[in-house]
Amino acid sequence: MSGGLRVAGLGVWAGAFQVLHGIDLEVPAGGALAMVGPNGAGKSLLLRGIMGLAPARGAVTVDGQDLSGAPVRRRLLAGLALCPGERALFPEMSVGESLRMGAYLRRDGEVDADLEHVRARVPRLAERWRTAAGRLSGGEQRMLAVASALMARPAFLLLDEPSAGLSPEPMRLLAQLIRDGPLGRRPGLLVAEQNLEFATSLCESVAVLRRGRICGRHAAAEVRRDAEVRHRVRQLM
């Protein structure tokens, strides 16, 4: 495909050790792919490699623009954004300041309008607008981190373990926020996730990462409806 996010033959290193080998994946504009697998499989490292935050070799393109070897800033400007699993917020910043920080590269004059849209669409954040991010609950912090990443208006959002540590209700609210986008425009999604139910509720397709390679791909609807397929995926996780 010429558009969308495309990764081809990607190898990613952790220090001197190559963890990921020959990763190929595609996410169309507005599409959503979940990357599942056991702990230590390299899911988070894959997102960091695509974002230019870990040593990597291979092709990364966004809407036909070759980003292989490009610095992080160029990848941000090309439309990539990463919401990491940990340390995604400055704890002393307020909710409003954190959201504005997410839009720091934008020059389109619509940041204030998007902030008001977030206030209207995410009441839990609006109620805590002046509260320091470090004083929010775990679920509220995850919603704020995702909303801040969405404030960049990325073409593709890389999400690292968004459901980790959340109880069912915050998880449901977070899934709704990600699916709809607080700004009413969902980007393409590449989601590293350990929770298979959450992954298949959020994404159209699922790839399994194991021992540094993708070893299976399925439509999310197939995983949800077919107990045998679901069991096979769980066995690989």
C-alpha atoms as a PDB file:
ATOM      1  CA  MET A   1       0.000   0.000   0.000  1.00  0.00           C
ATOM      2  CA  SER A   2       1.245   3.526  -0.682  1.00  0.00           C
ATOM      3  CA  GLY A   3      -0.764   5.156   2.131  1.00  0.00           C
ATOM      4  CA  GLY A   4      -1.013   4.122   5.740  1.00  0.00           C
ATOM      5  CA  LEU A   5       1.702   2.936   8.103  1.00  0.00           C
ATOM      6  CA  ARG A   6       3.958   0.240   6.681  1.00  0.00           C
ATOM      7  CA  VAL A   7       6.813  -1.594   8.410  1.00  0.00           C
ATOM      8  CA  ALA A   8       8.949  -3.995   6.360  1.00  0.00           C
ATOM      9  CA  GLY A   9      11.834  -6.215   7.437  1.00  0.00           C
ATOM     10  CA  LEU A  10      12.253  -4.355  10.716  1.00  0.00           C
ATOM     11  CA  GLY A  11      14.853  -5.536  13.201  1.00  0.00           C
ATOM     12  CA  VAL A  12      15.034  -3.831  16.594  1.00  0.00           C
ATOM     13  CA  TRP A  13      17.808  -3.975  19.180  1.00  0.00           C
ATOM     14  CA  ALA A  14      17.910  -3.622  22.963  1.00  0.00           C
ATOM     15  CA  GLY A  15      21.489  -2.519  23.508  1.00  0.00           C
ATOM     16  CA  ALA A  16      23.734  -4.956  21.645  1.00  0.00           C
ATOM     17  CA  PHE A  17      21.064  -7.684  21.517  1.00  0.00           C
ATOM     18  CA  GLN A  18      18.696  -7.992  18.556  1.00  0.00           C
ATOM     19  CA  VAL A  19      15.230  -8.728  19.961  1.00  0.00           C
ATOM     20  CA  LEU A  20      12.986  -8.388  16.904  1.00  0.00           C
ATOM     21  CA  HIS A  21      13.606  -9.907  13.470  1.00  0.00           C
ATOM     22  CA  GLY A  22      11.985  -9.252  10.086  1.00  0.00           C
ATOM     23  CA  ILE A  23       8.827  -7.557  11.321  1.00  0.00           C
ATOM     24  CA  ASP A  24       6.312  -6.811   8.543  1.00  0.00           C
ATOM     25  CA  LEU A  25       3.022  -5.047   9.274  1.00  0.00           C
ATOM     26  CA  GLU A  26       0.568  -2.628   7.715  1.00  0.00           C
ATOM     27  CA  VAL A  27      -2.036  -0.328   9.247  1.00  0.00           C
ATOM     28  CA  PRO A  28      -4.310   1.494   6.797  1.00  0.00           C
ATOM     29  CA  ALA A  29      -5.471   5.043   7.468  1.00  0.00           C
ATOM     30  CA  GLY A  30      -8.088   4.839  10.214  1.00  0.00           C
ATOM     31  CA  GLY A  31      -7.418   1.111  10.722  1.00  0.00           C
ATOM     32  CA  ALA A  32      -6.384  -0.617  13.941  1.00  0.00           C
ATOM     33  CA  LEU A  33      -3.949  -3.493  14.487  1.00  0.00           C
ATOM     34  CA  ALA A  34      -3.302  -5.104  17.873  1.00  0.00           C
ATOM     35  CA  MET A  35       0.080  -6.683  18.589  1.00  0.00           C
ATOM     36  CA  VAL A  36      -0.333  -9.322  21.319  1.00  0.00           C
ATOM     37  CA  GLY A  37       2.116 -11.786  22.819  1.00  0.00           C
ATOM     38  CA  PRO A  38       3.750 -12.932  26.038  1.00  0.00           C
ATOM     39  CA  ASN A  39       5.573 -10.608  28.395  1.00  0.00           C
ATOM     40  CA  GLY A  40       9.073  -9.988  27.092  1.00  0.00           C
ATOM     41  CA  ALA A  41       8.142 -10.712  23.469  1.00  0.00           C
ATOM     42  CA  GLY A  42       9.207  -7.209  22.416  1.00  0.00           C
ATOM     43  CA  LYS A  43       5.821  -5.518  21.880  1.00  0.00           C
ATOM     44  CA  SER A  44       6.865  -2.269  23.572  1.00  0.00           C
ATOM     45  CA  LEU A  45      10.255  -2.388  21.882  1.00  0.00           C
ATOM     46  CA  LEU A  46       8.547  -2.681  18.494  1.00  0.00           C
ATOM     47  CA  LEU A  47       6.652   0.565  19.083  1.00  0.00           C
ATOM     48  CA  ARG A  48       9.842   2.275  20.229  1.00  0.00           C
ATOM     49  CA  GLY A  49      11.671   1.030  17.137  1.00  0.00           C
ATOM     50  CA  ILE A  50       8.970   2.378  14.826  1.00  0.00           C
ATOM     51  CA  MET A  51       9.081   5.702  16.684  1.00  0.00           C
ATOM     52  CA  GLY A  52      12.874   5.938  16.386  1.00  0.00           C
ATOM     53  CA  LEU A  53      13.449   5.536  20.126  1.00  0.00           C
ATOM     54  CA  ALA A  54      15.273   2.193  19.858  1.00  0.00           C
ATOM     55  CA  PRO A  55      18.000   1.081  17.418  1.00  0.00           C
ATOM     56  CA  ALA A  56      16.316  -0.418  14.364  1.00  0.00           C
ATOM     57  CA  ARG A  57      17.009  -1.434  10.775  1.00  0.00           C
ATOM     58  CA  GLY A  58      14.357  -1.872   8.127  1.00  0.00           C
ATOM     59  CA  ALA A  59      11.713   0.210   6.399  1.00  0.00           C
ATOM     60  CA  VAL A  60       9.149   2.439   8.111  1.00  0.00           C
ATOM     61  CA  THR A  61       6.867   4.513   5.893  1.00  0.00           C
ATOM     62  CA  VAL A  62       3.878   6.753   6.664  1.00  0.00           C
ATOM     63  CA  ASP A  63       1.613   7.587   3.731  1.00  0.00           C
ATOM     64  CA  GLY A  64       4.469   6.787   1.366  1.00  0.00           C
ATOM     65  CA  GLN A  65       7.030   8.921   3.221  1.00  0.00           C
ATOM     66  CA  ASP A  66      10.165   6.925   4.020  1.00  0.00           C
ATOM     67  CA  LEU A  67      11.125   7.396   7.679  1.00  0.00           C
ATOM     68  CA  SER A  68      13.797   4.690   7.855  1.00  0.00           C
ATOM     69  CA  GLY A  69      16.595   6.057  10.023  1.00  0.00           C
ATOM     70  CA  ALA A  70      14.763   9.366  10.545  1.00  0.00           C
ATOM     71  CA  PRO A  71      14.986  11.205  13.904  1.00  0.00           C
ATOM     72  CA  VAL A  72      12.022  11.225  16.272  1.00  0.00           C
ATOM     73  CA  ARG A  73      11.003  14.808  15.436  1.00  0.00           C
ATOM     74  CA  ARG A  74      10.662  13.998  11.735  1.00  0.00           C
ATOM     75  CA  ARG A  75       8.495  10.984  12.594  1.00  0.00           C
ATOM     76  CA  LEU A  76       6.296  13.193  14.773  1.00  0.00           C
ATOM     77  CA  LEU A  77       5.927  15.700  11.956  1.00  0.00           C
ATOM     78  CA  ALA A  78       5.083  12.853   9.562  1.00  0.00           C
ATOM     79  CA  GLY A  79       2.111  11.917  11.755  1.00  0.00           C
ATOM     80  CA  LEU A  80       3.378   9.290  14.209  1.00  0.00           C
ATOM     81  CA  ALA A  81       2.719   9.598  17.949  1.00  0.00           C
ATOM     82  CA  LEU A  82       3.566   7.200  20.782  1.00  0.00           C
ATOM     83  CA  CYS A  83       1.647   6.853  24.043  1.00  0.00           C
ATOM     84  CA  PRO A  84       4.028   4.795  26.227  1.00  0.00           C
ATOM     85  CA  GLY A  85       2.886   2.439  28.947  1.00  0.00           C
ATOM     86  CA  GLU A  86       4.744   4.256  31.726  1.00  0.00           C
ATOM     87  CA  ARG A  87       5.942   7.781  32.479  1.00  0.00           C
ATOM     88  CA  ALA A  88       3.675   9.257  29.802  1.00  0.00           C
ATOM     89  CA  LEU A  89       2.855  12.365  31.873  1.00  0.00           C
ATOM     90  CA  PHE A  90       4.616  15.095  33.813  1.00  0.00           C
ATOM     91  CA  PRO A  91       3.056  14.557  37.272  1.00  0.00           C
ATOM     92  CA  GLU A  92       3.247  18.216  38.301  1.00  0.00           C
ATOM     93  CA  MET A  93       1.403  19.485  35.202  1.00  0.00           C
ATOM     94  CA  SER A  94      -2.350  19.994  35.390  1.00  0.00           C
ATOM     95  CA  VAL A  95      -4.770  18.117  33.155  1.00  0.00           C
ATOM     96  CA  GLY A  96      -5.225  21.178  30.923  1.00  0.00           C
ATOM     97  CA  GLU A  97      -1.480  21.813  30.695  1.00  0.00           C
ATOM     98  CA  SER A  98      -0.827  18.153  29.845  1.00  0.00           C
ATOM     99  CA  LEU A  99      -3.328  18.257  26.999  1.00  0.00           C
ATOM    100  CA  ARG A 100      -1.878  21.478  25.635  1.00  0.00           C
ATOM    101  CA  MET A 101       1.612  19.938  25.807  1.00  0.00           C
ATOM    102  CA  GLY A 102       0.376  17.130  23.561  1.00  0.00           C
ATOM    103  CA  ALA A 103      -0.269  19.707  20.829  1.00  0.00           C
ATOM    104  CA  TYR A 104       3.081  21.486  21.112  1.00  0.00           C
ATOM    105  CA  LEU A 105       4.114  20.786  17.499  1.00  0.00           C
ATOM    106  CA  ARG A 106       0.846  21.979  16.000  1.00  0.00           C
ATOM    107  CA  ARG A 107       0.593  25.302  14.179  1.00  0.00           C
ATOM    108  CA  ASP A 108      -2.973  25.053  12.845  1.00  0.00           C
ATOM    109  CA  GLY A 109      -4.728  27.510  15.181  1.00  0.00           C
ATOM    110  CA  GLU A 110      -7.324  24.938  16.334  1.00  0.00           C
ATOM    111  CA  VAL A 111      -5.684  23.783  19.573  1.00  0.00           C
ATOM    112  CA  ASP A 112      -8.046  25.771  21.822  1.00  0.00           C
ATOM    113  CA  ALA A 113     -11.065  24.380  19.984  1.00  0.00           C
ATOM    114  CA  ASP A 114      -9.744  20.845  20.432  1.00  0.00           C
ATOM    115  CA  LEU A 115      -9.165  21.462  24.146  1.00  0.00           C
ATOM    116  CA  GLU A 116     -12.792  22.517  24.514  1.00  0.00           C
ATOM    117  CA  HIS A 117     -13.858  19.437  22.594  1.00  0.00           C
ATOM    118  CA  VAL A 118     -11.933  17.234  25.044  1.00  0.00           C
ATOM    119  CA  ARG A 119     -13.600  19.018  27.978  1.00  0.00           C
ATOM    120  CA  ALA A 120     -17.008  18.303  26.465  1.00  0.00           C
ATOM    121  CA  ARG A 121     -16.322  14.683  25.492  1.00  0.00           C
ATOM    122  CA  VAL A 122     -14.343  13.509  28.529  1.00  0.00           C
ATOM    123  CA  PRO A 123     -16.150  14.801  31.650  1.00  0.00           C
ATOM    124  CA  ARG A 124     -13.810  13.008  34.056  1.00  0.00           C
ATOM    125  CA  LEU A 125     -10.906  15.065  32.749  1.00  0.00           C
ATOM    126  CA  ALA A 126     -12.952  18.271  32.573  1.00  0.00           C
ATOM    127  CA  GLU A 127     -13.811  17.931  36.271  1.00  0.00           C
ATOM    128  CA  ARG A 128     -10.098  17.715  37.113  1.00  0.00           C
ATOM    129  CA  TRP A 129      -8.856  20.311  34.618  1.00  0.00           C
ATOM    130  CA  ARG A 130      -6.606  22.110  37.131  1.00  0.00           C
ATOM    131  CA  THR A 131      -5.591  18.973  39.055  1.00  0.00           C
ATOM    132  CA  ALA A 132      -1.978  17.806  38.784  1.00  0.00           C
ATOM    133  CA  ALA A 133      -1.674  14.700  36.622  1.00  0.00           C
ATOM    134  CA  GLY A 134       0.176  12.889  39.414  1.00  0.00           C
ATOM    135  CA  ARG A 135      -2.887  13.170  41.662  1.00  0.00           C
ATOM    136  CA  LEU A 136      -5.242  11.417  39.234  1.00  0.00           C
ATOM    137  CA  SER A 137      -6.295   7.787  39.561  1.00  0.00           C
ATOM    138  CA  GLY A 138      -4.616   5.195  37.358  1.00  0.00           C
ATOM    139  CA  GLY A 139      -7.559   5.102  34.958  1.00  0.00           C
ATOM    140  CA  GLU A 140      -7.726   8.887  34.758  1.00  0.00           C
ATOM    141  CA  GLN A 141      -3.987   9.069  34.063  1.00  0.00           C
ATOM    142  CA  ARG A 142      -4.306   6.587  31.202  1.00  0.00           C
ATOM    143  CA  MET A 143      -7.202   8.563  29.702  1.00  0.00           C
ATOM    144  CA  LEU A 144      -5.196  11.775  30.037  1.00  0.00           C
ATOM    145  CA  ALA A 145      -2.112  10.206  28.446  1.00  0.00           C
ATOM    146  CA  VAL A 146      -4.137   8.937  25.481  1.00  0.00           C
ATOM    147  CA  ALA A 147      -6.032  12.220  25.094  1.00  0.00           C
ATOM    148  CA  SER A 148      -2.725  14.138  25.211  1.00  0.00           C
ATOM    149  CA  ALA A 149      -1.320  11.940  22.437  1.00  0.00           C
ATOM    150  CA  LEU A 150      -4.491  12.482  20.401  1.00  0.00           C
ATOM    151  CA  MET A 151      -4.109  16.261  20.840  1.00  0.00           C
ATOM    152  CA  ALA A 152      -1.174  15.998  18.419  1.00  0.00           C
ATOM    153  CA  ARG A 153      -3.714  14.989  15.742  1.00  0.00           C
ATOM    154  CA  PRO A 154      -1.481  12.098  14.657  1.00  0.00           C
ATOM    155  CA  ALA A 155      -2.156  10.105  11.524  1.00  0.00           C
ATOM    156  CA  PHE A 156      -1.100   6.988  13.465  1.00  0.00           C
ATOM    157  CA  LEU A 157      -1.058   6.481  17.228  1.00  0.00           C
ATOM    158  CA  LEU A 158       1.160   3.808  18.760  1.00  0.00           C
ATOM    159  CA  LEU A 159      -0.358   2.677  22.076  1.00  0.00           C
ATOM    160  CA  ASP A 160       1.660   0.657  24.574  1.00  0.00           C
ATOM    161  CA  GLU A 161      -0.404  -1.562  26.935  1.00  0.00           C
ATOM    162  CA  PRO A 162      -3.264   0.959  27.332  1.00  0.00           C
ATOM    163  CA  SER A 163      -5.366  -1.360  29.539  1.00  0.00           C
ATOM    164  CA  ALA A 164      -2.584  -2.381  31.962  1.00  0.00           C
ATOM    165  CA  GLY A 165      -3.695  -2.253  35.600  1.00  0.00           C
ATOM    166  CA  LEU A 166      -7.194  -0.953  34.878  1.00  0.00           C
ATOM    167  CA  SER A 167     -10.425  -2.297  36.349  1.00  0.00           C
ATOM    168  CA  PRO A 168     -13.336  -3.019  33.955  1.00  0.00           C
ATOM    169  CA  GLU A 169     -15.093   0.376  34.087  1.00  0.00           C
ATOM    170  CA  PRO A 170     -12.000   2.564  33.439  1.00  0.00           C
ATOM    171  CA  MET A 171     -11.046   0.052  30.738  1.00  0.00           C
ATOM    172  CA  ARG A 172     -14.429   0.486  29.063  1.00  0.00           C
ATOM    173  CA  LEU A 173     -14.174   4.286  29.172  1.00  0.00           C
ATOM    174  CA  LEU A 174     -10.647   4.181  27.809  1.00  0.00           C
ATOM    175  CA  ALA A 175     -11.688   1.902  24.931  1.00  0.00           C
ATOM    176  CA  GLN A 176     -14.483   4.338  24.061  1.00  0.00           C
ATOM    177  CA  LEU A 177     -12.073   7.272  24.168  1.00  0.00           C
ATOM    178  CA  ILE A 178      -9.606   5.505  21.860  1.00  0.00           C
ATOM    179  CA  ARG A 179     -12.262   4.213  19.433  1.00  0.00           C
ATOM    180  CA  ASP A 180     -14.030   7.556  19.048  1.00  0.00           C
ATOM    181  CA  GLY A 181     -11.131   9.943  19.657  1.00  0.00           C
ATOM    182  CA  PRO A 182     -11.904  12.914  21.918  1.00  0.00           C
ATOM    183  CA  LEU A 183     -11.489  15.169  18.900  1.00  0.00           C
ATOM    184  CA  GLY A 184     -13.916  13.190  16.763  1.00  0.00           C
ATOM    185  CA  ARG A 185     -11.197  11.909  14.424  1.00  0.00           C
ATOM    186  CA  ARG A 186      -9.656   8.538  15.219  1.00  0.00           C
ATOM    187  CA  PRO A 187      -6.155   7.998  13.852  1.00  0.00           C
ATOM    188  CA  GLY A 188      -4.814   4.686  12.666  1.00  0.00           C
ATOM    189  CA  LEU A 189      -3.867   2.557  15.673  1.00  0.00           C
ATOM    190  CA  LEU A 190      -1.051   0.134  16.402  1.00  0.00           C
ATOM    191  CA  VAL A 191      -1.697  -1.254  19.883  1.00  0.00           C
ATOM    192  CA  ALA A 192       0.694  -3.387  21.947  1.00  0.00           C
ATOM    193  CA  GLU A 193      -1.601  -5.201  24.362  1.00  0.00           C
ATOM    194  CA  GLN A 194      -1.605  -8.148  26.779  1.00  0.00           C
ATOM    195  CA  ASN A 195      -5.382  -8.231  27.292  1.00  0.00           C
ATOM    196  CA  LEU A 196      -6.822 -10.151  24.339  1.00  0.00           C
ATOM    197  CA  GLU A 197     -10.439  -9.108  25.007  1.00  0.00           C
ATOM    198  CA  PHE A 198      -9.494  -5.441  25.099  1.00  0.00           C
ATOM    199  CA  ALA A 199      -7.351  -5.813  21.974  1.00  0.00           C
ATOM    200  CA  THR A 200     -10.097  -7.460  19.932  1.00  0.00           C
ATOM    201  CA  SER A 201     -12.696  -4.921  21.102  1.00  0.00           C
ATOM    202  CA  LEU A 202     -10.501  -2.068  19.910  1.00  0.00           C
ATOM    203  CA  CYS A 203      -8.883  -3.359  16.710  1.00  0.00           C
ATOM    204  CA  GLU A 204      -9.941  -5.005  13.456  1.00  0.00           C
ATOM    205  CA  SER A 205      -6.968  -7.359  13.290  1.00  0.00           C
ATOM    206  CA  VAL A 206      -4.555  -9.085  15.656  1.00  0.00           C
ATOM    207  CA  ALA A 207      -0.943 -10.169  15.157  1.00  0.00           C
ATOM    208  CA  VAL A 208       0.900 -12.409  17.613  1.00  0.00           C
ATOM    209  CA  LEU A 209       4.499 -11.543  18.476  1.00  0.00           C
ATOM    210  CA  ARG A 210       6.565 -14.380  19.935  1.00  0.00           C
ATOM    211  CA  ARG A 211      10.320 -14.950  20.200  1.00  0.00           C
ATOM    212  CA  GLY A 212      11.050 -11.832  18.222  1.00  0.00           C
ATOM    213  CA  ARG A 213       8.863 -12.630  15.218  1.00  0.00           C
ATOM    214  CA  ILE A 214       5.233 -12.352  14.146  1.00  0.00           C
ATOM    215  CA  CYS A 215       3.903 -15.906  14.247  1.00  0.00           C
ATOM    216  CA  GLY A 216       0.199 -15.448  13.574  1.00  0.00           C
ATOM    217  CA  ARG A 217      -2.356 -12.997  12.199  1.00  0.00           C
ATOM    218  CA  HIS A 218      -6.140 -13.047  12.580  1.00  0.00           C
ATOM    219  CA  ALA A 219      -9.174 -10.851  12.083  1.00  0.00           C
ATOM    220  CA  ALA A 220     -10.330  -9.635  15.495  1.00  0.00           C
ATOM    221  CA  ALA A 221     -13.893 -10.743  14.704  1.00  0.00           C
ATOM    222  CA  GLU A 222     -12.615 -14.280  14.069  1.00  0.00           C
ATOM    223  CA  VAL A 223     -10.832 -14.339  17.436  1.00  0.00           C
ATOM    224  CA  ARG A 224     -13.969 -13.113  19.212  1.00  0.00           C
ATOM    225  CA  ARG A 225     -16.385 -15.607  17.643  1.00  0.00           C
ATOM    226  CA  ASP A 226     -14.225 -18.733  17.206  1.00  0.00           C
ATOM    227  CA  ALA A 227     -13.262 -20.405  20.491  1.00  0.00           C
ATOM    228  CA  GLU A 228     -10.663 -22.621  18.794  1.00  0.00           C
ATOM    229  CA  VAL A 229      -8.883 -19.656  17.176  1.00  0.00           C
ATOM    230  CA  ARG A 230      -9.056 -17.761  20.462  1.00  0.00           C
ATOM    231  CA  HIS A 231      -7.510 -20.737  22.269  1.00  0.00           C
ATOM    232  CA  ARG A 232      -4.674 -20.967  19.731  1.00  0.00           C
ATOM    233  CA  VAL A 233      -3.888 -17.278  20.151  1.00  0.00           C
ATOM    234  CA  ARG A 234      -3.922 -17.596  23.941  1.00  0.00           C
ATOM    235  CA  GLN A 235      -1.550 -20.548  23.732  1.00  0.00           C
ATOM    236  CA  LEU A 236       0.944 -18.333  21.915  1.00  0.00           C
ATOM    237  CA  MET A 237       0.570 -15.599  24.533  1.00  0.00           C
END
